[in-house]
C-alpha atoms as a PDB file:
ATOM      1  CA  MET A   1     122.460 113.505  90.197  1.00  0.00           C
ATOM      2  CA  LEU A   2     123.676 116.583  88.352  1.00  0.00           C
ATOM      3  CA  THR A   3     121.589 119.096  90.071  1.00  0.00           C
ATOM      4  CA  SER A   4     122.499 117.641  93.418  1.00  0.00           C
ATOM      5  CA  ALA A   5     126.143 117.811  92.517  1.00  0.00           C
ATOM      6  CA  LEU A   6     125.832 121.434  91.506  1.00  0.00           C
ATOM      7  CA  CYS A   7     123.871 122.080  94.477  1.00  0.00           C
ATOM      8  CA  ALA A   8     126.684 120.743  96.562  1.00  0.00           C
ATOM      9  CA  LEU A   9     129.399 122.717  94.683  1.00  0.00           C
ATOM     10  CA  ALA A  10     127.512 125.948  95.433  1.00  0.00           C
ATOM     11  CA  VAL A  11     127.323 125.309  99.006  1.00  0.00           C
ATOM     12  CA  VAL A  12     131.291 124.771  98.990  1.00  0.00           C
ATOM     13  CA  THR A  13     131.849 127.688  96.814  1.00  0.00           C
ATOM     14  CA  GLY A  14     129.415 130.260  97.845  1.00  0.00           C
ATOM     15  CA  ALA A  15     128.114 130.270  94.185  1.00  0.00           C
ATOM     16  CA  GLY A  16     124.264 130.881  94.099  1.00  0.00           C
ATOM     17  CA  LEU A  17     122.464 128.462  91.833  1.00  0.00           C
ATOM     18  CA  THR A  18     118.664 128.912  90.772  1.00  0.00           C
ATOM     19  CA  GLY A  19     116.728 125.478  91.518  1.00  0.00           C
ATOM     20  CA  CYS A  20     118.841 124.350  94.416  1.00  0.00           C
ATOM     21  CA  SER A  21     116.314 123.258  97.401  1.00  0.00           C
ATOM     22  CA  GLY A  22     117.448 125.908  99.439  1.00  0.00           C
ATOM     23  CA  ASP A  23     116.332 128.437  96.899  1.00  0.00           C
ATOM     24  CA  ASP A  24     112.999 126.558  96.027  1.00  0.00           C
ATOM     25  CA  PRO A  25     110.911 125.412  99.100  1.00  0.00           C
ATOM     26  CA  ASP A  26     109.098 123.114  96.470  1.00  0.00           C
ATOM     27  CA  ALA A  27     112.127 121.345  94.898  1.00  0.00           C
ATOM     28  CA  GLY A  28     111.207 117.742  95.137  1.00  0.00           C
ATOM     29  CA  THR A  29     107.716 118.180  96.205  1.00  0.00           C
ATOM     30  CA  ASN A  30     104.368 117.337  94.154  1.00  0.00           C
ATOM     31  CA  GLY A  31     103.948 120.948  93.622  1.00  0.00           C
ATOM     32  CA  VAL A  32     100.759 121.439  95.356  1.00  0.00           C
ATOM     33  CA  GLY A  33     102.745 124.020  97.632  1.00  0.00           C
ATOM     34  CA  LYS A  34     102.452 126.302  94.892  1.00  0.00           C
ATOM     35  CA  LEU A  35      98.535 126.138  94.483  1.00  0.00           C
ATOM     36  CA  PRO A  36      95.718 128.085  96.050  1.00  0.00           C
ATOM     37  CA  ALA A  37      94.718 126.518  99.439  1.00  0.00           C
ATOM     38  CA  ASP A  38      91.065 125.751  97.477  1.00  0.00           C
ATOM     39  CA  GLN A  39      92.767 123.803  94.945  1.00  0.00           C
ATOM     40  CA  VAL A  40      94.991 121.836  97.529  1.00  0.00           C
ATOM     41  CA  GLN A  41      91.738 120.781  99.276  1.00  0.00           C
ATOM     42  CA  ALA A  42      90.332 119.555  95.957  1.00  0.00           C
ATOM     43  CA  ARG A  43      93.512 117.829  94.959  1.00  0.00           C
ATOM     44  CA  THR A  44      93.800 115.876  98.137  1.00  0.00           C
ATOM     45  CA  LYS A  45      89.841 115.268  98.204  1.00  0.00           C
ATOM     46  CA  ALA A  46      90.228 113.702  94.776  1.00  0.00           C
ATOM     47  CA  ALA A  47      93.448 111.897  95.924  1.00  0.00           C
ATOM     48  CA  ALA A  48      91.432 110.295  98.887  1.00  0.00           C
ATOM     49  CA  ALA A  49      88.560 109.467  96.678  1.00  0.00           C
ATOM     50  CA  SER A  50      90.541 107.721  94.335  1.00  0.00           C
ATOM     51  CA  ALA A  51      92.858 105.484  96.645  1.00  0.00           C
ATOM     52  CA  GLY A  52      92.047 101.954  96.919  1.00  0.00           C
ATOM     53  CA  ALA A  53      92.293 101.929 100.852  1.00  0.00           C
ATOM     54  CA  VAL A  54      93.569 103.978 103.828  1.00  0.00           C
ATOM     55  CA  HIS A  55      93.948 103.380 107.387  1.00  0.00           C
ATOM     56  CA  LEU A  56      92.281 105.835 109.605  1.00  0.00           C
ATOM     57  CA  ALA A  57      93.080 106.823 113.532  1.00  0.00           C
ATOM     58  CA  GLY A  58      91.889 109.091 116.102  1.00  0.00           C
ATOM     59  CA  ASP A  59      88.928 110.801 117.637  1.00  0.00           C
ATOM     60  CA  VAL A  60      85.568 111.954 116.202  1.00  0.00           C
ATOM     61  CA  VAL A  61      83.315 114.175 118.682  1.00  0.00           C
ATOM     62  CA  SER A  62      79.712 113.836 117.882  1.00  0.00           C
ATOM     63  CA  ASN A  63      76.825 114.807 119.797  1.00  0.00           C
ATOM     64  CA  GLY A  64      78.814 115.559 122.729  1.00  0.00           C
ATOM     65  CA  ARG A  65      80.200 111.917 122.602  1.00  0.00           C
ATOM     66  CA  THR A  66      83.858 111.112 121.886  1.00  0.00           C
ATOM     67  CA  TYR A  67      84.598 108.148 119.603  1.00  0.00           C
ATOM     68  CA  ARG A  68      88.223 106.571 119.179  1.00  0.00           C
ATOM     69  CA  LEU A  69      88.426 105.261 115.732  1.00  0.00           C
ATOM     70  CA  ASP A  70      90.952 102.682 114.373  1.00  0.00           C
ATOM     71  CA  MET A  71      89.746 101.829 110.804  1.00  0.00           C
ATOM     72  CA  ARG A  72      90.747 100.387 107.536  1.00  0.00           C
ATOM     73  CA  LEU A  73      88.593 101.326 104.863  1.00  0.00           C
ATOM     74  CA  LYS A  74      88.166 100.753 101.159  1.00  0.00           C
ATOM     75  CA  SER A  75      85.197 100.996  98.604  1.00  0.00           C
ATOM     76  CA  ASP A  76      83.343  97.977  99.375  1.00  0.00           C
ATOM     77  CA  GLY A  77      83.469  98.038 103.145  1.00  0.00           C
ATOM     78  CA  GLY A  78      85.544  98.470 106.395  1.00  0.00           C
ATOM     79  CA  THR A  79      86.914  96.862 109.540  1.00  0.00           C
ATOM     80  CA  GLY A  80      88.452  97.999 112.656  1.00  0.00           C
ATOM     81  CA  SER A  81      87.416  99.145 116.121  1.00  0.00           C
ATOM     82  CA  VAL A  82      85.502 102.101 118.114  1.00  0.00           C
ATOM     83  CA  THR A  83      85.987 102.983 121.446  1.00  0.00           C
ATOM     84  CA  SER A  84      83.235 104.969 123.233  1.00  0.00           C
ATOM     85  CA  GLN A  85      82.938 105.913 127.016  1.00  0.00           C
ATOM     86  CA  GLY A  86      85.802 103.202 127.851  1.00  0.00           C
ATOM     87  CA  VAL A  87      83.979 100.340 125.753  1.00  0.00           C
ATOM     88  CA  THR A  88      85.432  99.049 122.740  1.00  0.00           C
ATOM     89  CA  PHE A  89      83.600  97.337 120.079  1.00  0.00           C
ATOM     90  CA  GLY A  90      84.638  95.943 116.360  1.00  0.00           C
ATOM     91  CA  LEU A  91      82.667  97.050 113.215  1.00  0.00           C
ATOM     92  CA  LEU A  92      83.135  95.037 109.850  1.00  0.00           C
ATOM     93  CA  ARG A  93      81.055  95.975 106.940  1.00  0.00           C
ATOM     94  CA  VAL A  94      81.316  93.521 103.654  1.00  0.00           C
ATOM     95  CA  GLY A  95      79.042  95.229 101.024  1.00  0.00           C
ATOM     96  CA  ALA A  96      75.763  96.374 102.686  1.00  0.00           C
ATOM     97  CA  GLN A  97      76.080  93.983 105.641  1.00  0.00           C
ATOM     98  CA  LEU A  98      77.204  95.219 108.881  1.00  0.00           C
ATOM     99  CA  TYR A  99      78.495  93.446 111.743  1.00  0.00           C
ATOM    100  CA  LEU A 100      78.954  94.497 115.294  1.00  0.00           C
ATOM    101  CA  LYS A 101      81.365  92.426 117.838  1.00  0.00           C
ATOM    102  CA  ALA A 102      81.599  93.293 121.469  1.00  0.00           C
ATOM    103  CA  ASP A 103      81.530  91.508 124.749  1.00  0.00           C
ATOM    104  CA  ALA A 104      78.793  91.079 127.094  1.00  0.00           C
ATOM    105  CA  GLN A 105      79.158  94.446 129.002  1.00  0.00           C
ATOM    106  CA  PHE A 106      78.485  96.236 125.835  1.00  0.00           C
ATOM    107  CA  TRP A 107      75.389  94.394 125.013  1.00  0.00           C
ATOM    108  CA  SER A 108      74.235  94.804 128.352  1.00  0.00           C
ATOM    109  CA  ASN A 109      74.350  98.436 128.056  1.00  0.00           C
ATOM    110  CA  ALA A 110      74.011  99.134 124.649  1.00  0.00           C
ATOM    111  CA  ASP A 111      70.647 100.817 124.837  1.00  0.00           C
ATOM    112  CA  ASP A 112      71.083 103.298 127.760  1.00  0.00           C
ATOM    113  CA  ASP A 113      72.974 105.526 125.587  1.00  0.00           C
ATOM    114  CA  GLY A 114      75.316 106.076 128.857  1.00  0.00           C
ATOM    115  CA  LYS A 115      72.278 107.786 130.778  1.00  0.00           C
ATOM    116  CA  ASP A 116      71.580 105.447 133.646  1.00  0.00           C
ATOM    117  CA  GLY A 117      73.553 102.646 133.167  1.00  0.00           C
ATOM    118  CA  LYS A 118      70.948  99.991 132.882  1.00  0.00           C
ATOM    119  CA  GLY A 119      70.250  98.220 129.711  1.00  0.00           C
ATOM    120  CA  SER A 120      67.359  96.367 128.785  1.00  0.00           C
ATOM    121  CA  THR A 121      69.369  93.346 127.215  1.00  0.00           C
ATOM    122  CA  ASN A 122      69.562  90.600 129.867  1.00  0.00           C
ATOM    123  CA  GLY A 123      72.387  88.639 131.032  1.00  0.00           C
ATOM    124  CA  GLY A 124      71.440  85.830 129.092  1.00  0.00           C
ATOM    125  CA  ALA A 125      71.138  87.188 125.742  1.00  0.00           C
ATOM    126  CA  ALA A 126      74.209  89.494 126.295  1.00  0.00           C
ATOM    127  CA  GLY A 127      76.346  86.349 127.099  1.00  0.00           C
ATOM    128  CA  LYS A 128      74.917  84.866 123.838  1.00  0.00           C
ATOM    129  CA  LEU A 129      76.246  87.703 122.110  1.00  0.00           C
ATOM    130  CA  ASP A 130      79.714  88.066 123.817  1.00  0.00           C
ATOM    131  CA  GLY A 131      82.776  88.133 121.275  1.00  0.00           C
ATOM    132  CA  LYS A 132      80.157  87.226 118.372  1.00  0.00           C
ATOM    133  CA  TYR A 133      79.931  89.061 114.929  1.00  0.00           C
ATOM    134  CA  VAL A 134      76.295  90.211 115.174  1.00  0.00           C
ATOM    135  CA  LYS A 135      74.615  90.953 112.047  1.00  0.00           C
ATOM    136  CA  VAL A 136      72.836  94.602 112.000  1.00  0.00           C
ATOM    137  CA  PRO A 137      69.756  95.024 110.358  1.00  0.00           C
ATOM    138  CA  GLN A 138      69.716  97.915 107.918  1.00  0.00           C
ATOM    139  CA  ARG A 139      66.454  99.127 109.510  1.00  0.00           C
ATOM    140  CA  ASP A 140      67.898  99.076 113.141  1.00  0.00           C
ATOM    141  CA  PRO A 141      69.302 102.514 114.659  1.00  0.00           C
ATOM    142  CA  ALA A 142      72.504 100.913 115.162  1.00  0.00           C
ATOM    143  CA  TYR A 143      73.299 100.601 111.497  1.00  0.00           C
ATOM    144  CA  LYS A 144      72.552 104.032 110.667  1.00  0.00           C
ATOM    145  CA  ARG A 145      74.411 105.173 113.860  1.00  0.00           C
ATOM    146  CA  PHE A 146      77.881 102.791 113.160  1.00  0.00           C
ATOM    147  CA  SER A 147      77.620 102.153 109.372  1.00  0.00           C
ATOM    148  CA  GLY A 148      79.316 105.633 108.536  1.00  0.00           C
ATOM    149  CA  PHE A 149      82.460 104.810 110.717  1.00  0.00           C
ATOM    150  CA  THR A 150      82.754 101.968 107.802  1.00  0.00           C
ATOM    151  CA  ASP A 151      82.055 103.975 104.636  1.00  0.00           C
ATOM    152  CA  LYS A 152      85.291 105.213 103.116  1.00  0.00           C
ATOM    153  CA  GLY A 153      83.546 107.794 100.483  1.00  0.00           C
ATOM    154  CA  VAL A 154      80.935 109.070 103.060  1.00  0.00           C
ATOM    155  CA  LEU A 155      83.412 109.597 105.917  1.00  0.00           C
ATOM    156  CA  LEU A 156      86.497 110.980 104.276  1.00  0.00           C
ATOM    157  CA  ASP A 157      84.188 113.441 102.101  1.00  0.00           C
ATOM    158  CA  SER A 158      82.610 115.017 105.070  1.00  0.00           C
ATOM    159  CA  LEU A 159      86.050 114.920 107.149  1.00  0.00           C
ATOM    160  CA  LEU A 160      88.079 116.450 104.667  1.00  0.00           C
ATOM    161  CA  THR A 161      86.042 119.450 103.976  1.00  0.00           C
ATOM    162  CA  LEU A 162      87.231 122.653 106.186  1.00  0.00           C
ATOM    163  CA  HIS A 163      84.898 125.066 106.941  1.00  0.00           C
ATOM    164  CA  GLY A 164      85.213 129.012 106.335  1.00  0.00           C
ATOM    165  CA  ALA A 165      87.797 130.943 104.082  1.00  0.00           C
ATOM    166  CA  LEU A 166      90.492 128.582 102.874  1.00  0.00           C
ATOM    167  CA  ALA A 167      94.456 129.556 103.458  1.00  0.00           C
ATOM    168  CA  ALA A 168      97.801 128.107 103.632  1.00  0.00           C
ATOM    169  CA  ASP A 169      99.607 127.782 106.991  1.00  0.00           C
ATOM    170  CA  GLY A 170     103.073 126.777 106.218  1.00  0.00           C
ATOM    171  CA  ARG A 171     105.136 123.733 105.874  1.00  0.00           C
ATOM    172  CA  HIS A 172     104.916 121.196 108.351  1.00  0.00           C
ATOM    173  CA  GLU A 173     105.844 117.437 108.739  1.00  0.00           C
ATOM    174  CA  GLN A 174     104.099 114.227 109.825  1.00  0.00           C
ATOM    175  CA  SER A 175     105.672 111.257 110.658  1.00  0.00           C
ATOM    176  CA  GLY A 176     108.603 112.004 108.630  1.00  0.00           C
ATOM    177  CA  VAL A 177     106.748 113.250 105.620  1.00  0.00           C
ATOM    178  CA  ARG A 178     106.809 116.799 104.406  1.00  0.00           C
ATOM    179  CA  THR A 179     103.409 118.588 104.487  1.00  0.00           C
ATOM    180  CA  LEU A 180     101.580 121.615 103.536  1.00  0.00           C
ATOM    181  CA  ARG A 181      99.098 122.765 106.084  1.00  0.00           C
ATOM    182  CA  ILE A 182      95.979 124.409 105.107  1.00  0.00           C
ATOM    183  CA  THR A 183      93.210 125.970 107.548  1.00  0.00           C
ATOM    184  CA  GLY A 184      89.443 126.923 107.319  1.00  0.00           C
ATOM    185  CA  GLY A 185      88.520 130.209 109.071  1.00  0.00           C
ATOM    186  CA  GLN A 186      92.009 131.016 110.268  1.00  0.00           C
ATOM    187  CA  GLY A 187      91.610 127.641 112.119  1.00  0.00           C
ATOM    188  CA  THR A 188      88.455 127.628 113.668  1.00  0.00           C
ATOM    189  CA  GLY A 189      87.026 125.628 110.599  1.00  0.00           C
ATOM    190  CA  GLY A 190      89.929 122.969 110.969  1.00  0.00           C
ATOM    191  CA  THR A 191      93.384 122.192 109.729  1.00  0.00           C
ATOM    192  CA  LEU A 192      94.238 119.690 107.343  1.00  0.00           C
ATOM    193  CA  ASP A 193      97.794 118.597 106.582  1.00  0.00           C
ATOM    194  CA  VAL A 194      98.370 117.093 102.838  1.00  0.00           C
ATOM    195  CA  SER A 195     101.631 115.435 101.663  1.00  0.00           C
ATOM    196  CA  LEU A 196     104.143 117.369  99.675  1.00  0.00           C
ATOM    197  CA  GLU A 197     105.664 113.853  98.546  1.00  0.00           C
ATOM    198  CA  GLY A 198     104.258 111.779  96.357  1.00  0.00           C
ATOM    199  CA  THR A 199     100.527 111.523  95.828  1.00  0.00           C
ATOM    200  CA  PRO A 200      98.801 114.769  97.849  1.00  0.00           C
ATOM    201  CA  TYR A 201      97.070 112.593 100.073  1.00  0.00           C
ATOM    202  CA  PRO A 202      95.608 114.122 103.490  1.00  0.00           C
ATOM    203  CA  LEU A 203      97.667 113.142 106.383  1.00  0.00           C
ATOM    204  CA  ARG A 204      96.330 114.505 109.545  1.00  0.00           C
ATOM    205  CA  LEU A 205      93.213 116.232 110.302  1.00  0.00           C
ATOM    206  CA  ALA A 206      92.464 118.744 113.255  1.00  0.00           C
ATOM    207  CA  ARG A 207      88.501 118.868 112.947  1.00  0.00           C
ATOM    208  CA  ALA A 208      86.896 122.255 113.676  1.00  0.00           C
ATOM    209  CA  GLY A 209      85.718 123.066 117.270  1.00  0.00           C
ATOM    210  CA  ASP A 210      88.072 120.820 119.030  1.00  0.00           C
ATOM    211  CA  ALA A 211      85.695 117.860 117.258  1.00  0.00           C
ATOM    212  CA  GLY A 212      88.744 115.478 117.154  1.00  0.00           C
ATOM    213  CA  THR A 213      92.193 114.771 115.361  1.00  0.00           C
ATOM    214  CA  LEU A 214      92.480 111.783 112.974  1.00  0.00           C
ATOM    215  CA  THR A 215      95.773 110.715 111.191  1.00  0.00           C
ATOM    216  CA  PHE A 216      95.527 109.077 107.676  1.00  0.00           C
ATOM    217  CA  THR A 217      98.044 106.431 106.806  1.00  0.00           C
ATOM    218  CA  GLU A 218      98.754 103.152 104.225  1.00  0.00           C
ATOM    219  CA  TRP A 219      96.994 105.146 101.476  1.00  0.00           C
ATOM    220  CA  GLY A 220      96.527 102.403  98.773  1.00  0.00           C
ATOM    221  CA  LYS A 221      97.539  99.471 100.990  1.00  0.00           C
ATOM    222  CA  ASP A 222      94.895  96.589 100.385  1.00  0.00           C
ATOM    223  CA  PHE A 223      93.579  94.587 103.371  1.00  0.00           C
ATOM    224  CA  PRO A 224      91.405  91.464 103.597  1.00  0.00           C
ATOM    225  CA  LEU A 225      87.642  91.906 103.956  1.00  0.00           C
ATOM    226  CA  ALA A 226      85.428  88.833 104.357  1.00  0.00           C
ATOM    227  CA  GLU A 227      82.089  87.574 105.839  1.00  0.00           C
ATOM    228  CA  PRO A 228      83.032  86.194 109.306  1.00  0.00           C
ATOM    229  CA  GLU A 229      82.608  82.360 109.868  1.00  0.00           C
ATOM    230  CA  ALA A 230      79.309  81.221 110.314  1.00  0.00           C
ATOM    231  CA  ASP A 231      79.937  79.704 113.788  1.00  0.00           C
ATOM    232  CA  ASP A 232      80.881  83.377 114.799  1.00  0.00           C
ATOM    233  CA  THR A 233      78.033  84.949 113.466  1.00  0.00           C
ATOM    234  CA  VAL A 234      74.567  85.567 115.327  1.00  0.00           C
ATOM    235  CA  ASP A 235      71.464  86.857 113.237  1.00  0.00           C
ATOM    236  CA  TYR A 236      68.554  88.469 115.100  1.00  0.00           C
ATOM    237  CA  GLY A 237      66.600  89.015 111.661  1.00  0.00           C
ATOM    238  CA  LYS A 238      64.962  92.453 111.587  1.00  0.00           C
ATOM    239  CA  GLN A 239      65.940  93.993 114.859  1.00  0.00           C
ATOM    240  CA  LEU A 240      69.034  93.837 117.642  1.00  0.00           C
ATOM    241  CA  PRO A 241      67.818  92.799 121.002  1.00  0.00           C
ATOM    242  CA  THR A 242      68.564  96.045 122.330  1.00  0.00           C
ATOM    243  CA  SER A 243      66.227  98.265 120.085  1.00  0.00           C
END
């Protein structure tokens, strides 16, 4: 209160006071703005790893395909949706068990990988899977393909690593929060906005090579994560019908 009052007085009288926010861009921040870019990256990765939960949303381009993610993640699993090639499906992982929830159209085309539009899953099987939580066996290719979208540790560790020489790229703002932006390879290796307020969480990531942009919100906000009801679950055993 006293500092604020003195700063206000300085504005009125024209006096200069060291420590006023106009003189110190880091006044009232968490201090990461004073650190070298490599230390900022280390701090934000540590903050992300220690957070109990996060809401991640945006696009990821992988192997030429764009995935739009809207996922809530924590250490023991995650839940949310993924959209690819105009088709949206739900993912739920509780511990090691992964579930995939989609409509009949998804299952009808699940194994064509967008090549010829003709899936091998017949209409009857696809109808039985429509809107159900389908257990994904760990040995099934779909498990490896989709489980990473629900793994907070693996996903954030890979996403939050910028490539190339790190550097600071000025002060910015993300959803009303002041941020410090760091870049890799002068921006070609990605850019990351880190919160200057409170814990230095990552708030926005632009991936290298135009491979997508993601936002991170609701850090530490817990959410329910539970196995679906038995009546809503389908278990095909060791292999999905589309594999």
